[in-house]
Amino acid sequence: MSRFQHIPVLAEEVIKWLDPQPNDILVDATVGLGGHARQLAERLSPKGRLIGIDQDEQALHNARENLKSYADRVVLVHGNFRDLIQLVQHAGGSQGVDGLLFDLGVSSLQLESGERGFSFLHNAPLDMRMDPALGGTTAAEIINHASFGELVRIFQEFGEEPRAEAITKRVLEFRKHRPIATTRDVVEIVGGRPGKIHPATRVFQALRIATNEELRALQEALPKAIDLLKPGGRLAVISFHSLEDRIVKNLFKNQATGGRIKLLSKKALAPSWEEQKRNPRSRSAKLRVIEKI
């Protein structure tokens, strides 16, 4: 088994609401290290199928090791869930799926692999790309080249950072002397005293979301997920901040009003106090579940 393990958030609730049956076709659109996928695969027979998708090849490598006991029913696919339909069809889910899961945000692997620049707890190059193989813009390139107005927008819109303008002024002042190259540079620029959350938390979140176009990808993927579901199929989404949850909530509400789906959880489900104590990273998690009519 891989040395990297994942404690799946809201695992009991995901199993309860997706209600996997032995011969189902299931999709974990953010398989990560395979925590949720393992519990789903346990409930499938060899005639069932779990398609696990992730854009992070390092995560897929570890998931493959963690899920090898279920190799007869698990297919792992490298790709971004914004291409969900093509990825699922390529993996053999062209007849529709019975259950689909999104577990959004940054993974424990990405945070703990400090060299990739996702965490302010490790000094590393400011990369933050979830799929470096695709090339694309790094967080360093964004923070070094974006205009004042664009950076303020990124910090406000993606990080809900109340000090967005003040921090952006400090970014521009820092850039006059040398490029912003590392996570430590960003922590120094943000400044502030540690409180309930680290002062750089919102800025790191904003840069990560901007680098990976996370909100746009989610907006593109959710309608496709509903398209893929068979009648009676279920979609569960776990989000970790209000920006993601707002997108999920609004889309589900619109689709329910249109009579295409029904809401199984009218309010977002939160982890129990026991789970939050056991796994502090679960504290901000929200789960919403729908069923296709």
Protein backbone atom coordinates (compact mmCIF):
# COMPACT_ATOMS: atom_id res chain seq x y z
CA MET A 1 0.00 0.00 0.00
CA SER A 2 1.18 3.54 -0.75
CA ARG A 3 2.82 5.48 2.08
CA PHE A 4 0.34 8.27 1.29
CA GLN A 5 -3.09 7.58 2.77
CA HIS A 6 -6.27 9.62 2.65
CA ILE A 7 -8.89 9.91 5.38
CA PRO A 8 -12.05 10.33 3.33
CA VAL A 9 -14.34 13.10 4.56
CA LEU A 10 -18.02 12.31 5.17
CA ALA A 11 -17.36 8.72 4.07
CA GLU A 12 -20.36 7.17 5.85
CA GLU A 13 -22.68 9.82 4.46
CA VAL A 14 -21.35 9.33 0.91
CA ILE A 15 -22.02 5.58 1.12
CA LYS A 16 -25.46 6.13 2.63
CA TRP A 17 -26.62 8.62 0.00
CA LEU A 18 -24.99 7.12 -3.09
CA ASP A 19 -26.22 3.69 -1.94
CA PRO A 20 -23.92 1.67 -4.26
CA GLN A 21 -25.20 -1.71 -5.48
CA PRO A 22 -22.93 -4.64 -6.49
CA ASN A 23 -23.29 -4.22 -10.27
CA ASP A 24 -23.35 -0.42 -10.41
CA ILE A 25 -21.18 1.80 -12.55
CA LEU A 26 -19.77 4.51 -10.29
CA VAL A 27 -17.52 7.48 -10.95
CA ASP A 28 -15.20 9.18 -8.48
CA ALA A 29 -14.36 12.35 -10.41
CA THR A 30 -11.67 13.38 -7.90
CA VAL A 31 -10.21 10.03 -6.88
CA GLY A 32 -7.13 11.50 -5.16
CA LEU A 33 -5.48 8.80 -3.07
CA GLY A 34 -8.55 6.57 -3.31
CA GLY A 35 -10.09 6.98 0.14
CA HIS A 36 -13.70 7.27 -1.00
CA ALA A 37 -13.05 5.03 -4.01
CA ARG A 38 -11.89 2.19 -1.77
CA GLN A 39 -15.10 2.25 0.26
CA LEU A 40 -17.20 2.39 -2.90
CA ALA A 41 -15.24 -0.42 -4.57
CA GLU A 42 -15.72 -2.64 -1.49
CA ARG A 43 -19.44 -2.62 -2.23
CA LEU A 44 -19.10 -3.58 -5.88
CA SER A 45 -18.89 -7.06 -7.36
CA PRO A 46 -16.41 -7.83 -10.14
CA LYS A 47 -19.31 -7.12 -12.52
CA GLY A 48 -19.52 -3.55 -11.21
CA ARG A 49 -17.19 -0.77 -12.23
CA LEU A 50 -15.63 2.20 -10.47
CA ILE A 51 -14.09 4.82 -12.75
CA GLY A 52 -11.64 7.02 -10.85
CA ILE A 53 -10.54 10.30 -12.42
CA ASP A 54 -7.83 12.71 -11.30
CA GLN A 55 -5.73 15.37 -13.01
CA ASP A 56 -2.82 14.76 -10.63
CA GLU A 57 -0.65 11.91 -11.94
CA GLN A 58 1.14 11.57 -8.59
CA ALA A 59 -2.23 11.05 -6.89
CA LEU A 60 -3.23 8.44 -9.50
CA HIS A 61 0.03 6.56 -8.94
CA ASN A 62 -0.73 6.33 -5.22
CA ALA A 63 -4.42 5.53 -5.82
CA ARG A 64 -3.41 2.64 -8.08
CA GLU A 65 -1.35 1.19 -5.24
CA ASN A 66 -4.02 1.82 -2.61
CA LEU A 67 -6.77 0.26 -4.76
CA LYS A 68 -4.87 -2.72 -6.18
CA SER A 69 -7.04 -5.16 -4.17
CA TYR A 70 -9.94 -4.01 -6.38
CA ALA A 71 -8.15 -3.99 -9.73
CA ASP A 72 -10.88 -6.22 -11.19
CA ARG A 73 -13.48 -3.47 -10.80
CA VAL A 74 -11.53 -0.17 -10.77
CA VAL A 75 -10.41 1.82 -13.82
CA LEU A 76 -8.23 4.88 -13.18
CA VAL A 77 -8.10 7.70 -15.72
CA HIS A 78 -5.84 10.75 -15.92
CA GLY A 79 -7.72 13.92 -16.81
CA ASN A 80 -9.60 17.00 -15.67
CA PHE A 81 -13.22 16.46 -14.67
CA ARG A 82 -14.25 19.33 -16.92
CA ASP A 83 -13.85 16.66 -19.67
CA LEU A 84 -16.01 14.26 -17.66
CA ILE A 85 -18.12 12.78 -20.45
CA GLN A 86 -15.19 11.90 -22.71
CA LEU A 87 -13.18 10.46 -19.80
CA VAL A 88 -16.05 8.28 -18.56
CA GLN A 89 -16.97 7.08 -22.04
CA HIS A 90 -13.31 6.22 -22.73
CA ALA A 91 -13.26 4.16 -19.51
CA GLY A 92 -16.37 2.18 -20.43
CA GLY A 93 -19.20 4.17 -18.88
CA SER A 94 -20.91 5.08 -22.13
CA GLN A 95 -24.28 3.58 -21.06
CA GLY A 96 -24.61 5.99 -18.16
CA VAL A 97 -23.62 5.76 -14.50
CA ASP A 98 -25.46 4.94 -11.28
CA GLY A 99 -23.51 7.14 -8.89
CA LEU A 100 -21.03 9.97 -9.16
CA LEU A 101 -18.88 11.73 -6.54
CA PHE A 102 -16.93 14.99 -6.49
CA ASP A 103 -14.66 15.65 -3.50
CA LEU A 104 -13.42 19.14 -4.31
CA GLY A 105 -10.38 21.20 -3.35
CA VAL A 106 -6.77 20.44 -2.59
CA SER A 107 -5.82 16.95 -1.41
CA SER A 108 -3.79 15.87 1.58
CA LEU A 109 -1.13 14.57 -0.83
CA GLN A 110 -0.77 17.98 -2.48
CA LEU A 111 -0.54 19.75 0.87
CA GLU A 112 1.93 17.28 2.32
CA SER A 113 4.07 17.17 -0.83
CA GLY A 114 5.48 20.57 0.01
CA GLU A 115 7.65 20.87 -3.09
CA ARG A 116 4.63 21.67 -5.29
CA GLY A 117 3.84 24.98 -3.60
CA PHE A 118 0.30 24.32 -2.36
CA SER A 119 1.03 24.90 1.32
CA PHE A 120 2.36 27.91 3.22
CA LEU A 121 3.77 25.43 5.76
CA HIS A 122 6.53 24.39 3.35
CA ASN A 123 8.95 26.67 1.51
CA ALA A 124 8.85 25.64 -2.14
CA PRO A 125 8.64 27.03 -5.69
CA LEU A 126 5.29 28.74 -6.20
CA ASP A 127 3.81 26.29 -8.73
CA MET A 128 0.35 25.07 -7.56
CA ARG A 129 -0.54 23.33 -10.84
CA MET A 130 -2.53 20.16 -10.18
CA ASP A 131 -1.46 18.78 -13.55
CA PRO A 132 2.06 20.02 -14.35
CA ALA A 133 2.18 17.64 -17.34
CA LEU A 134 -0.20 19.92 -19.21
CA GLY A 135 2.10 22.90 -18.84
CA GLY A 136 -0.01 25.95 -18.19
CA THR A 137 0.47 28.99 -16.00
CA THR A 138 1.98 28.65 -12.55
CA ALA A 139 0.91 30.63 -9.50
CA ALA A 140 4.27 32.42 -9.66
CA GLU A 141 3.56 33.60 -13.19
CA ILE A 142 0.13 34.89 -12.15
CA ILE A 143 1.33 36.82 -9.10
CA ASN A 144 4.34 38.26 -10.94
CA HIS A 145 2.56 39.41 -14.11
CA ALA A 146 -1.08 40.17 -13.24
CA SER A 147 -2.09 43.82 -13.00
CA PHE A 148 -3.13 45.52 -9.76
CA GLY A 149 -6.81 45.22 -10.65
CA GLU A 150 -6.54 41.58 -11.70
CA LEU A 151 -4.77 40.57 -8.49
CA VAL A 152 -7.33 42.40 -6.36
CA ARG A 153 -10.09 40.55 -8.23
CA ILE A 154 -8.36 37.17 -7.74
CA PHE A 155 -7.82 37.71 -4.00
CA GLN A 156 -11.36 39.04 -3.47
CA GLU A 157 -13.27 36.68 -5.75
CA PHE A 158 -11.36 33.43 -5.18
CA GLY A 159 -10.06 34.01 -1.66
CA GLU A 160 -12.70 36.30 -0.17
CA GLU A 161 -9.70 38.17 1.24
CA PRO A 162 -10.75 41.40 3.03
CA ARG A 163 -7.22 42.85 2.71
CA ALA A 164 -7.04 42.25 -1.04
CA GLU A 165 -6.04 45.79 -2.03
CA ALA A 166 -3.45 46.19 0.74
CA ILE A 167 -1.89 42.81 -0.06
CA THR A 168 -1.81 43.60 -3.78
CA LYS A 169 0.04 46.87 -3.07
CA ARG A 170 2.62 44.84 -1.15
CA VAL A 171 2.87 42.38 -4.07
CA LEU A 172 3.63 45.19 -6.51
CA GLU A 173 6.19 46.71 -4.15
CA PHE A 174 7.92 43.32 -3.72
CA ARG A 175 7.96 42.78 -7.50
CA LYS A 176 9.96 46.00 -8.00
CA HIS A 177 12.96 44.38 -6.33
CA ARG A 178 12.78 40.73 -7.41
CA PRO A 179 10.32 38.15 -8.72
CA ILE A 180 8.03 36.36 -6.28
CA ALA A 181 9.35 32.82 -6.55
CA THR A 182 8.47 30.82 -3.44
CA THR A 183 5.71 30.16 -0.95
CA ARG A 184 7.80 31.91 1.69
CA ASP A 185 7.81 35.06 -0.45
CA VAL A 186 4.00 35.06 -0.43
CA VAL A 187 3.83 34.51 3.33
CA GLU A 188 6.24 37.43 3.81
CA ILE A 189 4.17 39.68 1.54
CA VAL A 190 0.86 38.84 3.23
CA GLY A 191 2.26 39.43 6.72
CA GLY A 192 -0.11 39.52 9.67
CA ARG A 193 -0.22 37.59 12.90
CA PRO A 194 -1.37 33.96 13.00
CA GLY A 195 -4.87 33.66 14.40
CA LYS A 196 -7.62 31.09 14.07
CA ILE A 197 -6.50 30.65 10.46
CA HIS A 198 -3.10 31.47 8.99
CA PRO A 199 -3.00 35.01 7.48
CA ALA A 200 -1.94 33.59 4.09
CA THR A 201 -4.73 30.99 3.87
CA ARG A 202 -7.08 33.02 1.66
CA VAL A 203 -4.33 34.24 -0.67
CA PHE A 204 -3.03 30.70 -1.18
CA GLN A 205 -6.56 29.49 -1.87
CA ALA A 206 -7.11 32.30 -4.38
CA LEU A 207 -3.86 31.62 -6.24
CA ARG A 208 -4.56 27.88 -6.38
CA ILE A 209 -8.08 28.38 -7.73
CA ALA A 210 -6.85 30.88 -10.33
CA THR A 211 -3.95 28.65 -11.40
CA ASN A 212 -6.17 25.60 -11.96
CA GLU A 213 -9.37 27.41 -13.07
CA GLU A 214 -11.15 25.34 -10.44
CA LEU A 215 -14.46 27.19 -10.30
CA ARG A 216 -14.83 27.32 -14.08
CA ALA A 217 -14.05 23.60 -14.29
CA LEU A 218 -16.71 22.86 -11.66
CA GLN A 219 -19.30 24.97 -13.49
CA GLU A 220 -18.56 23.02 -16.68
CA ALA A 221 -18.48 19.59 -15.03
CA LEU A 222 -21.66 19.54 -12.92
CA PRO A 223 -24.15 19.67 -15.84
CA LYS A 224 -22.15 16.95 -17.57
CA ALA A 225 -22.32 14.81 -14.44
CA ILE A 226 -26.11 15.08 -14.43
CA ASP A 227 -26.16 14.20 -18.15
CA LEU A 228 -24.17 11.03 -17.39
CA LEU A 229 -26.50 9.77 -14.66
CA LYS A 230 -29.05 7.11 -15.41
CA PRO A 231 -32.60 7.86 -14.20
CA GLY A 232 -32.46 7.22 -10.46
CA GLY A 233 -28.70 7.78 -10.46
CA ARG A 234 -27.22 9.96 -7.73
CA LEU A 235 -24.63 12.72 -7.63
CA ALA A 236 -22.83 13.70 -4.40
CA VAL A 237 -20.58 16.75 -4.11
CA ILE A 238 -18.32 17.60 -1.17
CA SER A 239 -17.10 21.20 -1.10
CA PHE A 240 -14.79 22.97 1.33
CA HIS A 241 -15.48 26.67 0.89
CA SER A 242 -18.42 28.91 0.14
CA LEU A 243 -17.39 29.62 -3.47
CA GLU A 244 -17.65 25.96 -4.47
CA ASP A 245 -20.74 25.32 -2.37
CA ARG A 246 -22.54 28.33 -3.89
CA ILE A 247 -21.97 26.97 -7.40
CA VAL A 248 -23.22 23.51 -6.40
CA LYS A 249 -26.23 24.84 -4.47
CA ASN A 250 -27.37 27.18 -7.26
CA LEU A 251 -26.99 24.64 -10.05
CA PHE A 252 -28.84 21.96 -8.09
CA LYS A 253 -31.62 24.43 -7.25
CA ASN A 254 -32.01 25.42 -10.91
CA GLN A 255 -32.01 21.81 -12.10
CA ALA A 256 -34.57 20.85 -9.44
CA THR A 257 -36.82 23.75 -10.42
CA GLY A 258 -36.63 22.52 -14.01
CA GLY A 259 -37.80 19.08 -12.89
CA ARG A 260 -34.67 17.27 -13.99
CA ILE A 261 -33.46 16.24 -10.54
CA LYS A 262 -34.68 16.06 -6.97
CA LEU A 263 -32.71 17.28 -3.98
CA LEU A 264 -31.98 14.49 -1.52
CA SER A 265 -30.30 16.89 0.88
CA LYS A 266 -32.18 20.20 0.90
CA LYS A 267 -29.56 21.58 3.25
CA ALA A 268 -25.87 20.81 3.03
CA LEU A 269 -24.78 17.94 5.27
CA ALA A 270 -21.85 18.58 7.61
CA PRO A 271 -19.44 16.19 9.35
CA SER A 272 -20.35 15.03 12.83
CA TRP A 273 -18.55 16.52 15.82
CA GLU A 274 -16.75 13.18 16.24
CA GLU A 275 -15.46 13.28 12.67
CA GLN A 276 -14.33 16.89 12.99
CA LYS A 277 -12.41 15.98 16.12
CA ARG A 278 -10.89 12.92 14.45
CA ASN A 279 -10.08 14.73 11.19
CA PRO A 280 -9.77 18.53 11.59
CA ARG A 281 -9.60 18.98 7.80
CA SER A 282 -13.24 17.90 7.61
CA ARG A 283 -14.51 20.91 9.58
CA SER A 284 -15.43 23.06 6.58
CA ALA A 285 -16.82 20.22 4.45
CA LYS A 286 -20.36 20.33 3.05
CA LEU A 287 -22.11 17.51 1.22
CA ARG A 288 -25.01 17.97 -1.22
CA VAL A 289 -26.73 15.05 -2.97
CA ILE A 290 -29.25 14.89 -5.83
CA GLU A 291 -31.05 12.14 -7.72
CA LYS A 292 -31.81 12.28 -11.43
CA ILE A 293 -35.49 11.94 -12.27
